[in-house]
């Protein structure tokens, strides 16, 4: 009886390596935010869609009742000691200008501004058709998400005048 139970358990574990489970892992990612002091500040769940990526984001410890910029940055490094500058510039595989209002824009990493609620928490669901959840040319796996101190003006190149980088998360 114990041998049958162990065999069944082994079969269940083997099923976790199945193509279905591998596809689910490929179609999702997580990113854990750290603030400027290096403390955990929130997370993002990222899911591949047919023609883009859905970001479900929650970041705490922000100034309440304020619009802030959310961008995808080119490098998946979040060094809080350097103000998250290690994340590099916006993800821009097409060499475009910054911003939705720019004549030759936007960057693939440009996302809409998000509102921080009364409790200092940014909660958002954002879909972008400009990126993919892979490691190809438009892929964002291994890159970083950044929450800035101010809102994006959607036209000033290269950052939209969004200000300091308050929180950073590597997309894994």
C-alpha atoms as a PDB file:
ATOM      1  CA  UNK A   1       0.000   0.000   0.000  1.00  0.00           C
ATOM      2  CA  UNK A   2       2.822   2.427   0.866  1.00  0.00           C
ATOM      3  CA  UNK A   3       4.564   1.620  -2.405  1.00  0.00           C
ATOM      4  CA  UNK A   4       1.421   2.454  -4.392  1.00  0.00           C
ATOM      5  CA  UNK A   5       1.060   5.773  -2.518  1.00  0.00           C
ATOM      6  CA  UNK A   6       4.706   6.640  -3.194  1.00  0.00           C
ATOM      7  CA  UNK A   7       4.317   5.738  -6.857  1.00  0.00           C
ATOM      8  CA  UNK A   8       1.215   7.925  -7.110  1.00  0.00           C
ATOM      9  CA  UNK A   9       3.049  10.808  -5.420  1.00  0.00           C
ATOM     10  CA  UNK A  10       6.012  10.365  -7.765  1.00  0.00           C
ATOM     11  CA  UNK A  11       3.641  10.423 -10.733  1.00  0.00           C
ATOM     12  CA  UNK A  12       2.082  13.665  -9.459  1.00  0.00           C
ATOM     13  CA  UNK A  13       5.501  15.292  -9.076  1.00  0.00           C
ATOM     14  CA  UNK A  14       6.504  14.104 -12.534  1.00  0.00           C
ATOM     15  CA  UNK A  15       3.346  15.759 -13.851  1.00  0.00           C
ATOM     16  CA  UNK A  16       4.638  19.116 -12.619  1.00  0.00           C
ATOM     17  CA  UNK A  17       7.312  18.936 -15.285  1.00  0.00           C
ATOM     18  CA  UNK A  18       4.688  18.369 -17.957  1.00  0.00           C
ATOM     19  CA  UNK A  19       4.465  20.604 -21.038  1.00  0.00           C
ATOM     20  CA  UNK A  20       1.281  22.226 -19.635  1.00  0.00           C
ATOM     21  CA  UNK A  21       3.045  23.273 -16.411  1.00  0.00           C
ATOM     22  CA  UNK A  22       6.090  24.476 -18.372  1.00  0.00           C
ATOM     23  CA  UNK A  23       3.828  26.577 -20.620  1.00  0.00           C
ATOM     24  CA  UNK A  24       2.112  28.141 -17.591  1.00  0.00           C
ATOM     25  CA  UNK A  25       5.503  29.057 -16.106  1.00  0.00           C
ATOM     26  CA  UNK A  26       6.566  30.540 -19.451  1.00  0.00           C
ATOM     27  CA  UNK A  27       3.362  32.608 -19.649  1.00  0.00           C
ATOM     28  CA  UNK A  28       3.739  34.226 -16.213  1.00  0.00           C
ATOM     29  CA  UNK A  29       6.381  36.125 -14.296  1.00  0.00           C
ATOM     30  CA  UNK A  30       6.699  37.925 -10.992  1.00  0.00           C
ATOM     31  CA  UNK A  31       8.597  41.040 -10.018  1.00  0.00           C
ATOM     32  CA  UNK A  32       9.272  41.995  -6.385  1.00  0.00           C
ATOM     33  CA  UNK A  33       9.691  45.718  -5.757  1.00  0.00           C
ATOM     34  CA  UNK A  34      12.275  47.209  -3.425  1.00  0.00           C
ATOM     35  CA  UNK A  35      12.222  50.848  -2.363  1.00  0.00           C
ATOM     36  CA  UNK A  36      15.126  53.300  -2.206  1.00  0.00           C
ATOM     37  CA  UNK A  37      16.225  51.889   1.175  1.00  0.00           C
ATOM     38  CA  UNK A  38      16.214  48.297  -0.122  1.00  0.00           C
ATOM     39  CA  UNK A  39      13.062  47.231   1.732  1.00  0.00           C
ATOM     40  CA  UNK A  40      10.359  45.127   0.087  1.00  0.00           C
ATOM     41  CA  UNK A  41       7.712  47.485  -1.310  1.00  0.00           C
ATOM     42  CA  UNK A  42       5.357  45.284  -3.322  1.00  0.00           C
ATOM     43  CA  UNK A  43       5.072  43.013  -6.310  1.00  0.00           C
ATOM     44  CA  UNK A  44       3.827  42.639  -9.828  1.00  0.00           C
ATOM     45  CA  UNK A  45       2.265  39.579 -11.392  1.00  0.00           C
ATOM     46  CA  UNK A  46       2.876  39.551 -15.133  1.00  0.00           C
ATOM     47  CA  UNK A  47       0.909  37.417 -17.574  1.00  0.00           C
ATOM     48  CA  UNK A  48       1.441  36.916 -21.303  1.00  0.00           C
ATOM     49  CA  UNK A  49      -1.550  37.607 -23.520  1.00  0.00           C
ATOM     50  CA  UNK A  50      -2.093  36.790 -27.189  1.00  0.00           C
ATOM     51  CA  UNK A  51      -0.582  40.087 -28.329  1.00  0.00           C
ATOM     52  CA  UNK A  52       0.984  41.658 -25.251  1.00  0.00           C
ATOM     53  CA  UNK A  53       1.451  41.521 -21.491  1.00  0.00           C
ATOM     54  CA  UNK A  54      -0.806  42.187 -18.492  1.00  0.00           C
ATOM     55  CA  UNK A  55       0.806  43.773 -15.421  1.00  0.00           C
ATOM     56  CA  UNK A  56      -0.972  43.517 -12.057  1.00  0.00           C
ATOM     57  CA  UNK A  57       0.967  45.834  -9.772  1.00  0.00           C
ATOM     58  CA  UNK A  58       0.802  46.717  -6.083  1.00  0.00           C
ATOM     59  CA  UNK A  59       3.460  48.964  -4.533  1.00  0.00           C
ATOM     60  CA  UNK A  60       3.227  50.521  -1.050  1.00  0.00           C
ATOM     61  CA  UNK A  61       5.014  53.323   0.781  1.00  0.00           C
ATOM     62  CA  UNK A  62       4.353  55.959  -1.882  1.00  0.00           C
ATOM     63  CA  UNK A  63       3.106  59.515  -1.501  1.00  0.00           C
ATOM     64  CA  UNK A  64      -0.705  59.311  -1.404  1.00  0.00           C
ATOM     65  CA  UNK A  65      -3.151  60.952  -3.823  1.00  0.00           C
ATOM     66  CA  UNK A  66      -0.641  61.386  -6.595  1.00  0.00           C
ATOM     67  CA  UNK A  67      -0.122  60.215 -10.193  1.00  0.00           C
ATOM     68  CA  UNK A  68       3.212  58.464 -10.780  1.00  0.00           C
ATOM     69  CA  UNK A  69       4.994  57.024 -13.788  1.00  0.00           C
ATOM     70  CA  UNK A  70       5.419  53.281 -14.265  1.00  0.00           C
ATOM     71  CA  UNK A  71       7.990  52.197 -16.851  1.00  0.00           C
ATOM     72  CA  UNK A  72       9.800  49.111 -18.062  1.00  0.00           C
ATOM     73  CA  UNK A  73      13.563  49.692 -17.923  1.00  0.00           C
ATOM     74  CA  UNK A  74      16.202  47.935 -19.999  1.00  0.00           C
ATOM     75  CA  UNK A  75      18.322  46.268 -17.311  1.00  0.00           C
ATOM     76  CA  UNK A  76      17.126  43.804 -14.684  1.00  0.00           C
ATOM     77  CA  UNK A  77      19.179  45.231 -11.835  1.00  0.00           C
ATOM     78  CA  UNK A  78      17.717  47.104  -8.845  1.00  0.00           C
ATOM     79  CA  UNK A  79      20.575  48.604  -6.825  1.00  0.00           C
ATOM     80  CA  UNK A  80      18.778  50.755  -4.242  1.00  0.00           C
ATOM     81  CA  UNK A  81      22.063  52.297  -3.047  1.00  0.00           C
ATOM     82  CA  UNK A  82      22.397  53.980  -6.449  1.00  0.00           C
ATOM     83  CA  UNK A  83      18.775  55.136  -6.603  1.00  0.00           C
ATOM     84  CA  UNK A  84      17.922  52.239  -8.960  1.00  0.00           C
ATOM     85  CA  UNK A  85      19.984  53.857 -11.730  1.00  0.00           C
ATOM     86  CA  UNK A  86      21.329  50.338 -12.363  1.00  0.00           C
ATOM     87  CA  UNK A  87      18.056  49.586 -14.209  1.00  0.00           C
ATOM     88  CA  UNK A  88      19.271  51.774 -17.079  1.00  0.00           C
ATOM     89  CA  UNK A  89      16.998  53.696 -19.414  1.00  0.00           C
ATOM     90  CA  UNK A  90      13.554  52.827 -20.681  1.00  0.00           C
ATOM     91  CA  UNK A  91      13.224  49.622 -22.667  1.00  0.00           C
ATOM     92  CA  UNK A  92      13.361  50.914 -26.239  1.00  0.00           C
ATOM     93  CA  UNK A  93      14.203  48.222 -28.803  1.00  0.00           C
ATOM     94  CA  UNK A  94      12.878  50.345 -31.687  1.00  0.00           C
ATOM     95  CA  UNK A  95      14.926  53.487 -30.941  1.00  0.00           C
ATOM     96  CA  UNK A  96      11.787  55.637 -30.602  1.00  0.00           C
ATOM     97  CA  UNK A  97      11.271  58.939 -28.756  1.00  0.00           C
ATOM     98  CA  UNK A  98       9.781  58.858 -25.284  1.00  0.00           C
ATOM     99  CA  UNK A  99       6.082  59.271 -24.727  1.00  0.00           C
ATOM    100  CA  UNK A 100       2.655  58.522 -26.092  1.00  0.00           C
ATOM    101  CA  UNK A 101       2.368  62.135 -27.316  1.00  0.00           C
ATOM    102  CA  UNK A 102       5.767  62.160 -29.072  1.00  0.00           C
ATOM    103  CA  UNK A 103       5.754  62.299 -32.886  1.00  0.00           C
ATOM    104  CA  UNK A 104       8.135  59.299 -33.076  1.00  0.00           C
ATOM    105  CA  UNK A 105       7.114  57.542 -29.873  1.00  0.00           C
ATOM    106  CA  UNK A 106       6.580  55.797 -27.617  1.00  0.00           C
ATOM    107  CA  UNK A 107       9.284  53.568 -26.143  1.00  0.00           C
ATOM    108  CA  UNK A 108       8.171  49.954 -25.722  1.00  0.00           C
ATOM    109  CA  UNK A 109       8.758  50.485 -21.985  1.00  0.00           C
ATOM    110  CA  UNK A 110       6.403  53.467 -21.712  1.00  0.00           C
ATOM    111  CA  UNK A 111       3.303  52.637 -19.663  1.00  0.00           C
ATOM    112  CA  UNK A 112       0.450  54.949 -18.588  1.00  0.00           C
ATOM    113  CA  UNK A 113       0.677  56.921 -15.330  1.00  0.00           C
ATOM    114  CA  UNK A 114      -0.863  55.249 -12.295  1.00  0.00           C
ATOM    115  CA  UNK A 115      -2.658  56.726  -9.289  1.00  0.00           C
ATOM    116  CA  UNK A 116      -1.513  56.194  -5.704  1.00  0.00           C
ATOM    117  CA  UNK A 117      -4.493  55.862  -3.350  1.00  0.00           C
ATOM    118  CA  UNK A 118      -5.061  57.537   0.018  1.00  0.00           C
ATOM    119  CA  UNK A 119      -3.227  54.690   1.775  1.00  0.00           C
ATOM    120  CA  UNK A 120      -0.027  55.270  -0.230  1.00  0.00           C
ATOM    121  CA  UNK A 121      -0.512  52.116  -2.309  1.00  0.00           C
ATOM    122  CA  UNK A 122      -0.410  52.007  -6.095  1.00  0.00           C
ATOM    123  CA  UNK A 123      -2.737  49.277  -7.349  1.00  0.00           C
ATOM    124  CA  UNK A 124      -2.980  48.843 -11.095  1.00  0.00           C
ATOM    125  CA  UNK A 125      -3.762  46.519 -13.945  1.00  0.00           C
ATOM    126  CA  UNK A 126      -2.064  47.638 -17.140  1.00  0.00           C
ATOM    127  CA  UNK A 127      -1.933  45.912 -20.530  1.00  0.00           C
ATOM    128  CA  UNK A 128       0.799  46.660 -23.056  1.00  0.00           C
ATOM    129  CA  UNK A 129       0.781  45.358 -26.627  1.00  0.00           C
ATOM    130  CA  UNK A 130       4.293  46.764 -27.202  1.00  0.00           C
ATOM    131  CA  UNK A 131       6.126  44.030 -25.243  1.00  0.00           C
ATOM    132  CA  UNK A 132       6.211  40.249 -24.845  1.00  0.00           C
ATOM    133  CA  UNK A 133       6.918  37.999 -21.883  1.00  0.00           C
ATOM    134  CA  UNK A 134       9.976  36.263 -23.282  1.00  0.00           C
ATOM    135  CA  UNK A 135      13.635  36.977 -23.934  1.00  0.00           C
ATOM    136  CA  UNK A 136      13.276  37.869 -27.636  1.00  0.00           C
ATOM    137  CA  UNK A 137      13.704  41.382 -29.089  1.00  0.00           C
ATOM    138  CA  UNK A 138      10.508  42.778 -27.494  1.00  0.00           C
ATOM    139  CA  UNK A 139      10.854  40.539 -24.437  1.00  0.00           C
ATOM    140  CA  UNK A 140      10.776  41.911 -20.917  1.00  0.00           C
ATOM    141  CA  UNK A 141      11.755  38.873 -18.853  1.00  0.00           C
ATOM    142  CA  UNK A 142      14.947  39.869 -17.019  1.00  0.00           C
ATOM    143  CA  UNK A 143      14.248  43.611 -17.331  1.00  0.00           C
ATOM    144  CA  UNK A 144      13.010  45.944 -14.565  1.00  0.00           C
ATOM    145  CA  UNK A 145       9.800  47.755 -13.658  1.00  0.00           C
ATOM    146  CA  UNK A 146      10.272  51.199 -12.104  1.00  0.00           C
ATOM    147  CA  UNK A 147       7.839  53.411 -10.188  1.00  0.00           C
ATOM    148  CA  UNK A 148       8.904  57.070 -10.411  1.00  0.00           C
ATOM    149  CA  UNK A 149       8.260  59.919  -7.970  1.00  0.00           C
ATOM    150  CA  UNK A 150       6.270  62.013 -10.436  1.00  0.00           C
ATOM    151  CA  UNK A 151       3.981  61.599 -13.393  1.00  0.00           C
ATOM    152  CA  UNK A 152       5.110  61.149 -16.970  1.00  0.00           C
ATOM    153  CA  UNK A 153       4.328  64.108 -19.259  1.00  0.00           C
ATOM    154  CA  UNK A 154       4.235  61.655 -22.217  1.00  0.00           C
ATOM    155  CA  UNK A 155       6.521  63.753 -24.417  1.00  0.00           C
ATOM    156  CA  UNK A 156       9.821  64.826 -22.797  1.00  0.00           C
ATOM    157  CA  UNK A 157      12.610  62.601 -24.104  1.00  0.00           C
ATOM    158  CA  UNK A 158      14.030  60.376 -22.676  1.00  0.00           C
ATOM    159  CA  UNK A 159      12.092  59.980 -19.378  1.00  0.00           C
ATOM    160  CA  UNK A 160       8.958  62.111 -19.474  1.00  0.00           C
ATOM    161  CA  UNK A 161      10.182  64.256 -16.565  1.00  0.00           C
ATOM    162  CA  UNK A 162       9.002  61.547 -14.158  1.00  0.00           C
ATOM    163  CA  UNK A 163      11.646  62.183 -11.502  1.00  0.00           C
ATOM    164  CA  UNK A 164      13.372  59.861  -9.043  1.00  0.00           C
ATOM    165  CA  UNK A 165      13.076  56.104  -9.169  1.00  0.00           C
ATOM    166  CA  UNK A 166      11.210  55.179  -5.979  1.00  0.00           C
ATOM    167  CA  UNK A 167      10.737  51.431  -6.441  1.00  0.00           C
ATOM    168  CA  UNK A 168      12.317  48.831  -8.694  1.00  0.00           C
ATOM    169  CA  UNK A 169      11.504  45.194  -9.489  1.00  0.00           C
ATOM    170  CA  UNK A 170      13.257  42.656 -11.701  1.00  0.00           C
ATOM    171  CA  UNK A 171      10.883  40.694 -13.952  1.00  0.00           C
ATOM    172  CA  UNK A 172      11.652  37.019 -13.307  1.00  0.00           C
END
